[in-house]
């Protein structure tokens, strides 16, 4: 199969959630190293938007993915969509690089999307242990007047 056909097949397999085809393509492309996928990061985000945890894992653990050093966009998409399992996989990845300047953005996306459980879980990740109370206060100012939501998140934050 030609590189462009592998790329097209990978995109279709991810959109349809076909894990077996994704695995075959990863093997056929020497663990994604032999084929240039200009949109590999976008492909990962597509699998996350669709909630395909196993697809996201397969892509992130392939050798060809090693050059994708920034999983921030993927993590933000997981938080927007409330995909807690995928968020955990990304944060646990040895390729995850924390950018403290975007912590509040990720946290805010989870809250804006109404994903309270993921917001509460985010602050328990080791990578986010240093999110300061001032960050939470800044986020709360941007939220609606939902005091119950604010209290829930603040309670979880204080448990740390």
C-alpha atoms as a PDB file:
ATOM      1  CA  UNK A   1       0.000   0.000   0.000  1.00  0.00           C
ATOM      2  CA  UNK A   2       1.361   3.414  -0.890  1.00  0.00           C
ATOM      3  CA  UNK A   3       2.128   5.955   1.841  1.00  0.00           C
ATOM      4  CA  UNK A   4      -0.740   8.209   0.773  1.00  0.00           C
ATOM      5  CA  UNK A   5      -3.150   5.263   0.829  1.00  0.00           C
ATOM      6  CA  UNK A   6      -1.934   4.302   4.307  1.00  0.00           C
ATOM      7  CA  UNK A   7      -2.522   7.853   5.443  1.00  0.00           C
ATOM      8  CA  UNK A   8      -6.046   7.927   3.997  1.00  0.00           C
ATOM      9  CA  UNK A   9      -6.839   4.515   5.456  1.00  0.00           C
ATOM     10  CA  UNK A  10      -5.613   5.619   8.887  1.00  0.00           C
ATOM     11  CA  UNK A  11      -7.814   8.709   8.826  1.00  0.00           C
ATOM     12  CA  UNK A  12     -10.892   6.697   7.814  1.00  0.00           C
ATOM     13  CA  UNK A  13     -10.164   4.015  10.425  1.00  0.00           C
ATOM     14  CA  UNK A  14      -9.871   6.633  13.156  1.00  0.00           C
ATOM     15  CA  UNK A  15     -13.063   8.414  12.149  1.00  0.00           C
ATOM     16  CA  UNK A  16     -14.964   5.133  12.180  1.00  0.00           C
ATOM     17  CA  UNK A  17     -13.323   3.842  15.349  1.00  0.00           C
ATOM     18  CA  UNK A  18     -11.805   0.793  13.637  1.00  0.00           C
ATOM     19  CA  UNK A  19      -9.066  -0.181  16.096  1.00  0.00           C
ATOM     20  CA  UNK A  20      -7.988  -3.325  14.235  1.00  0.00           C
ATOM     21  CA  UNK A  21      -7.401  -1.397  11.007  1.00  0.00           C
ATOM     22  CA  UNK A  22      -5.429   1.242  12.909  1.00  0.00           C
ATOM     23  CA  UNK A  23      -3.237  -1.503  14.379  1.00  0.00           C
ATOM     24  CA  UNK A  24      -2.687  -3.071  10.931  1.00  0.00           C
ATOM     25  CA  UNK A  25      -1.710   0.329   9.486  1.00  0.00           C
ATOM     26  CA  UNK A  26       0.693   0.963  12.352  1.00  0.00           C
ATOM     27  CA  UNK A  27       2.364  -2.400  11.673  1.00  0.00           C
ATOM     28  CA  UNK A  28       2.321  -1.919   7.865  1.00  0.00           C
ATOM     29  CA  UNK A  29       3.999   1.468   8.205  1.00  0.00           C
ATOM     30  CA  UNK A  30       6.780   0.200  10.499  1.00  0.00           C
ATOM     31  CA  UNK A  31       5.114   1.637  13.575  1.00  0.00           C
ATOM     32  CA  UNK A  32       4.207   4.834  11.664  1.00  0.00           C
ATOM     33  CA  UNK A  33       7.893   5.558  10.993  1.00  0.00           C
ATOM     34  CA  UNK A  34       7.905   4.777   7.261  1.00  0.00           C
ATOM     35  CA  UNK A  35       5.005   7.005   6.322  1.00  0.00           C
ATOM     36  CA  UNK A  36       4.888  10.758   6.655  1.00  0.00           C
ATOM     37  CA  UNK A  37       1.689  11.732   8.400  1.00  0.00           C
ATOM     38  CA  UNK A  38       1.630  15.529   8.405  1.00  0.00           C
ATOM     39  CA  UNK A  39      -1.549  15.486  10.445  1.00  0.00           C
ATOM     40  CA  UNK A  40      -0.682  12.760  12.947  1.00  0.00           C
ATOM     41  CA  UNK A  41      -1.285  15.090  15.874  1.00  0.00           C
ATOM     42  CA  UNK A  42      -4.613  16.152  14.340  1.00  0.00           C
ATOM     43  CA  UNK A  43      -5.439  12.472  13.830  1.00  0.00           C
ATOM     44  CA  UNK A  44      -4.857  11.817  17.517  1.00  0.00           C
ATOM     45  CA  UNK A  45      -7.136  14.712  18.407  1.00  0.00           C
ATOM     46  CA  UNK A  46      -9.799  13.327  16.043  1.00  0.00           C
ATOM     47  CA  UNK A  47      -9.715   9.984  17.859  1.00  0.00           C
ATOM     48  CA  UNK A  48     -10.031  11.817  21.169  1.00  0.00           C
ATOM     49  CA  UNK A  49     -12.993  13.901  20.010  1.00  0.00           C
ATOM     50  CA  UNK A  50     -14.748  10.661  19.148  1.00  0.00           C
ATOM     51  CA  UNK A  51     -13.883   9.158  22.542  1.00  0.00           C
ATOM     52  CA  UNK A  52     -11.777   6.313  21.122  1.00  0.00           C
ATOM     53  CA  UNK A  53      -9.483   5.575  24.073  1.00  0.00           C
ATOM     54  CA  UNK A  54      -7.802   2.525  22.551  1.00  0.00           C
ATOM     55  CA  UNK A  55      -7.199   4.320  19.248  1.00  0.00           C
ATOM     56  CA  UNK A  56      -5.581   7.221  21.080  1.00  0.00           C
ATOM     57  CA  UNK A  57      -3.355   4.775  22.981  1.00  0.00           C
ATOM     58  CA  UNK A  58      -2.350   2.971  19.780  1.00  0.00           C
ATOM     59  CA  UNK A  59      -1.363   6.224  18.077  1.00  0.00           C
ATOM     60  CA  UNK A  60       0.465   7.672  21.080  1.00  0.00           C
ATOM     61  CA  UNK A  61       2.502   4.534  21.680  1.00  0.00           C
ATOM     62  CA  UNK A  62       3.635   4.090  18.073  1.00  0.00           C
ATOM     63  CA  UNK A  63       7.281   4.913  17.373  1.00  0.00           C
ATOM     64  CA  UNK A  64       6.351   7.340  14.613  1.00  0.00           C
ATOM     65  CA  UNK A  65       4.519   9.418  17.167  1.00  0.00           C
ATOM     66  CA  UNK A  66       7.711  10.035  19.146  1.00  0.00           C
ATOM     67  CA  UNK A  67       8.340  13.278  17.285  1.00  0.00           C
ATOM     68  CA  UNK A  68       5.034  14.699  18.499  1.00  0.00           C
ATOM     69  CA  UNK A  69       6.285  16.295  21.667  1.00  0.00           C
ATOM     70  CA  UNK A  70       3.330  18.388  22.687  1.00  0.00           C
ATOM     71  CA  UNK A  71       0.170  16.645  23.777  1.00  0.00           C
ATOM     72  CA  UNK A  72      -1.409  19.825  25.153  1.00  0.00           C
ATOM     73  CA  UNK A  73      -3.898  20.161  22.294  1.00  0.00           C
ATOM     74  CA  UNK A  74      -4.870  16.533  22.698  1.00  0.00           C
ATOM     75  CA  UNK A  75      -5.327  16.956  26.445  1.00  0.00           C
ATOM     76  CA  UNK A  76      -7.443  20.079  25.968  1.00  0.00           C
ATOM     77  CA  UNK A  77      -9.669  18.185  23.494  1.00  0.00           C
ATOM     78  CA  UNK A  78     -10.040  15.330  25.983  1.00  0.00           C
ATOM     79  CA  UNK A  79     -11.087  17.813  28.653  1.00  0.00           C
ATOM     80  CA  UNK A  80     -13.503  19.651  26.364  1.00  0.00           C
ATOM     81  CA  UNK A  81     -15.151  16.367  25.487  1.00  0.00           C
ATOM     82  CA  UNK A  82     -15.146  15.023  29.027  1.00  0.00           C
ATOM     83  CA  UNK A  83     -12.992  12.034  28.052  1.00  0.00           C
ATOM     84  CA  UNK A  84     -11.445  11.273  31.431  1.00  0.00           C
ATOM     85  CA  UNK A  85      -9.900   7.938  30.396  1.00  0.00           C
ATOM     86  CA  UNK A  86      -8.090   9.578  27.495  1.00  0.00           C
ATOM     87  CA  UNK A  87      -6.958  12.485  29.692  1.00  0.00           C
ATOM     88  CA  UNK A  88      -5.436   9.959  32.089  1.00  0.00           C
ATOM     89  CA  UNK A  89      -3.646   8.179  29.227  1.00  0.00           C
ATOM     90  CA  UNK A  90      -2.204  11.462  27.942  1.00  0.00           C
ATOM     91  CA  UNK A  91      -1.016  12.685  31.332  1.00  0.00           C
ATOM     92  CA  UNK A  92       0.516   9.279  32.081  1.00  0.00           C
ATOM     93  CA  UNK A  93       2.377   9.300  28.760  1.00  0.00           C
ATOM     94  CA  UNK A  94       6.125   9.798  28.945  1.00  0.00           C
ATOM     95  CA  UNK A  95       5.643  12.195  26.023  1.00  0.00           C
ATOM     96  CA  UNK A  96       3.429  14.549  28.003  1.00  0.00           C
ATOM     97  CA  UNK A  97       5.140  17.859  28.696  1.00  0.00           C
ATOM     98  CA  UNK A  98       3.414  20.113  31.186  1.00  0.00           C
ATOM     99  CA  UNK A  99       3.004  23.763  30.305  1.00  0.00           C
ATOM    100  CA  UNK A 100       1.936  25.560  33.491  1.00  0.00           C
ATOM    101  CA  UNK A 101       0.746  28.566  31.515  1.00  0.00           C
ATOM    102  CA  UNK A 102      -2.046  26.489  29.977  1.00  0.00           C
ATOM    103  CA  UNK A 103      -3.176  24.612  33.090  1.00  0.00           C
ATOM    104  CA  UNK A 104      -5.990  27.029  33.783  1.00  0.00           C
ATOM    105  CA  UNK A 105      -7.102  26.870  30.134  1.00  0.00           C
ATOM    106  CA  UNK A 106      -7.436  23.096  30.300  1.00  0.00           C
ATOM    107  CA  UNK A 107      -9.209  23.221  33.633  1.00  0.00           C
ATOM    108  CA  UNK A 108     -11.567  25.899  32.333  1.00  0.00           C
ATOM    109  CA  UNK A 109     -12.427  23.855  29.222  1.00  0.00           C
ATOM    110  CA  UNK A 110     -13.492  20.945  31.399  1.00  0.00           C
ATOM    111  CA  UNK A 111     -15.650  23.170  33.589  1.00  0.00           C
ATOM    112  CA  UNK A 112     -17.163  25.119  30.672  1.00  0.00           C
ATOM    113  CA  UNK A 113     -18.135  21.813  29.099  1.00  0.00           C
ATOM    114  CA  UNK A 114     -19.915  20.817  32.301  1.00  0.00           C
ATOM    115  CA  UNK A 115     -17.464  17.991  32.936  1.00  0.00           C
ATOM    116  CA  UNK A 116     -17.219  18.342  36.697  1.00  0.00           C
ATOM    117  CA  UNK A 117     -15.746  14.887  37.285  1.00  0.00           C
ATOM    118  CA  UNK A 118     -12.930  15.511  34.838  1.00  0.00           C
ATOM    119  CA  UNK A 119     -12.289  18.959  36.354  1.00  0.00           C
ATOM    120  CA  UNK A 120     -12.106  17.432  39.828  1.00  0.00           C
ATOM    121  CA  UNK A 121      -9.815  14.676  38.577  1.00  0.00           C
ATOM    122  CA  UNK A 122      -7.496  17.054  36.722  1.00  0.00           C
ATOM    123  CA  UNK A 123      -6.412  18.712  39.926  1.00  0.00           C
ATOM    124  CA  UNK A 124      -5.420  15.341  41.376  1.00  0.00           C
ATOM    125  CA  UNK A 125      -2.935  14.585  38.561  1.00  0.00           C
ATOM    126  CA  UNK A 126       0.637  14.944  39.760  1.00  0.00           C
ATOM    127  CA  UNK A 127       1.353  17.244  36.825  1.00  0.00           C
ATOM    128  CA  UNK A 128      -1.174  19.740  38.152  1.00  0.00           C
ATOM    129  CA  UNK A 129      -0.316  19.703  41.847  1.00  0.00           C
ATOM    130  CA  UNK A 130       0.969  23.270  41.625  1.00  0.00           C
ATOM    131  CA  UNK A 131      -2.203  24.866  40.356  1.00  0.00           C
ATOM    132  CA  UNK A 132      -2.545  27.680  42.848  1.00  0.00           C
ATOM    133  CA  UNK A 133      -5.682  28.913  44.507  1.00  0.00           C
ATOM    134  CA  UNK A 134      -5.325  32.220  42.642  1.00  0.00           C
ATOM    135  CA  UNK A 135      -5.666  30.278  39.381  1.00  0.00           C
ATOM    136  CA  UNK A 136      -8.886  28.742  40.639  1.00  0.00           C
ATOM    137  CA  UNK A 137     -10.147  32.123  41.743  1.00  0.00           C
ATOM    138  CA  UNK A 138      -9.406  33.572  38.307  1.00  0.00           C
ATOM    139  CA  UNK A 139     -11.283  30.694  36.710  1.00  0.00           C
ATOM    140  CA  UNK A 140     -14.214  31.113  39.079  1.00  0.00           C
ATOM    141  CA  UNK A 141     -14.526  34.774  38.116  1.00  0.00           C
ATOM    142  CA  UNK A 142     -15.000  33.650  34.520  1.00  0.00           C
ATOM    143  CA  UNK A 143     -17.655  31.104  35.414  1.00  0.00           C
ATOM    144  CA  UNK A 144     -21.333  31.776  35.711  1.00  0.00           C
ATOM    145  CA  UNK A 145     -22.809  32.308  39.149  1.00  0.00           C
ATOM    146  CA  UNK A 146     -23.100  28.560  39.742  1.00  0.00           C
ATOM    147  CA  UNK A 147     -22.014  28.473  43.385  1.00  0.00           C
ATOM    148  CA  UNK A 148     -22.642  24.733  43.705  1.00  0.00           C
ATOM    149  CA  UNK A 149     -20.201  24.030  40.869  1.00  0.00           C
ATOM    150  CA  UNK A 150     -17.626  26.373  42.349  1.00  0.00           C
ATOM    151  CA  UNK A 151     -17.965  24.756  45.766  1.00  0.00           C
ATOM    152  CA  UNK A 152     -17.618  21.238  44.333  1.00  0.00           C
ATOM    153  CA  UNK A 153     -14.397  22.074  42.517  1.00  0.00           C
ATOM    154  CA  UNK A 154     -12.993  24.076  45.426  1.00  0.00           C
ATOM    155  CA  UNK A 155     -13.711  21.207  47.838  1.00  0.00           C
ATOM    156  CA  UNK A 156     -11.839  18.799  45.564  1.00  0.00           C
ATOM    157  CA  UNK A 157      -8.958  21.253  45.246  1.00  0.00           C
ATOM    158  CA  UNK A 158      -8.688  21.547  49.037  1.00  0.00           C
ATOM    159  CA  UNK A 159      -8.489  17.742  49.417  1.00  0.00           C
ATOM    160  CA  UNK A 160      -5.075  17.803  47.762  1.00  0.00           C
END
